[in-house]
Amino acid sequence: MKPPPCFDDAETKKLVKQVCKQHQVDPQLLKDLCELETDYSGSGRRHGLDDDIAAIITRFIAREAE
């Protein structure tokens, strides 16, 4: 998966981190979900998206529990 441009640019990355901190969202979780959305965009068929979102969230919870 390729991250959206906002995770590549240093200045924008800084803003994303600030917004994540302000709203208590983990930046890596946001990045993983954005990458997934980018992968599905334009495909016309989004079958399996819900399962993939659930898998990302499950992995995030498992990482946090360690």
Protein backbone atom coordinates (compact mmCIF):
# COMPACT_ATOMS: atom_id res chain seq x y z
CA MET A 1 0.00 0.00 0.00
CA LYS A 2 1.15 3.50 -0.79
CA PRO A 3 0.41 6.26 1.71
CA PRO A 4 -1.49 9.35 0.54
CA PRO A 5 0.69 12.39 -0.20
CA CYS A 6 -0.17 14.04 3.13
CA PHE A 7 1.99 11.41 4.83
CA ASP A 8 5.00 12.05 2.58
CA ASP A 9 5.36 15.82 2.79
CA ALA A 10 7.15 16.89 5.99
CA GLU A 11 5.10 20.03 6.57
CA THR A 12 1.78 18.31 5.97
CA LYS A 13 2.86 15.32 8.06
CA LYS A 14 3.46 17.71 10.95
CA LEU A 15 -0.06 19.12 10.58
CA VAL A 16 -1.56 15.62 10.44
CA LYS A 17 0.22 14.71 13.67
CA GLN A 18 -1.07 17.87 15.36
CA VAL A 19 -4.65 17.17 14.30
CA CYS A 20 -4.35 13.53 15.40
CA LYS A 21 -3.07 14.62 18.80
CA GLN A 22 -5.83 17.19 19.16
CA HIS A 23 -8.51 14.58 18.37
CA GLN A 24 -6.77 11.68 20.15
CA VAL A 25 -6.34 9.60 16.99
CA ASP A 26 -3.27 7.46 16.45
CA PRO A 27 -1.41 8.76 13.36
CA GLN A 28 -0.38 5.25 12.26
CA LEU A 29 -3.99 4.03 12.41
CA LEU A 30 -5.09 7.01 10.34
CA LYS A 31 -2.29 6.36 7.85
CA ASP A 32 -3.22 2.67 7.54
CA LEU A 33 -6.91 3.52 6.98
CA CYS A 34 -6.05 6.22 4.42
CA GLU A 35 -3.79 3.81 2.53
CA LEU A 36 -6.61 1.28 2.42
CA GLU A 37 -9.05 3.88 1.11
CA THR A 38 -6.53 4.94 -1.52
CA ASP A 39 -6.12 1.32 -2.61
CA TYR A 40 -9.88 0.91 -2.99
CA SER A 41 -10.52 4.26 -4.66
CA GLY A 42 -11.21 4.08 -8.34
CA SER A 43 -11.80 0.35 -8.28
CA GLY A 44 -15.54 0.81 -8.71
CA ARG A 45 -16.05 -2.24 -6.54
CA ARG A 46 -15.52 -1.91 -2.86
CA HIS A 47 -16.37 -5.46 -1.87
CA GLY A 48 -14.28 -6.43 1.15
CA LEU A 49 -13.58 -2.88 2.31
CA ASP A 50 -15.45 -3.34 5.58
CA ASP A 51 -13.53 -6.52 6.35
CA ASP A 52 -10.22 -4.83 5.56
CA ILE A 53 -11.09 -1.87 7.81
CA ALA A 54 -11.99 -4.27 10.62
CA ALA A 55 -8.67 -6.10 10.12
CA ILE A 56 -6.68 -2.86 10.36
CA ILE A 57 -8.50 -1.84 13.53
CA THR A 58 -8.02 -5.31 15.04
CA ARG A 59 -4.27 -5.17 14.31
CA PHE A 60 -4.12 -1.69 15.86
CA ILE A 61 -5.87 -2.88 19.03
CA ALA A 62 -3.52 -5.87 19.25
CA ARG A 63 -0.47 -3.57 18.92
CA GLU A 64 -1.81 -1.29 21.64
CA ALA A 65 -2.45 -4.25 23.97
CA GLU A 66 1.18 -5.42 23.74
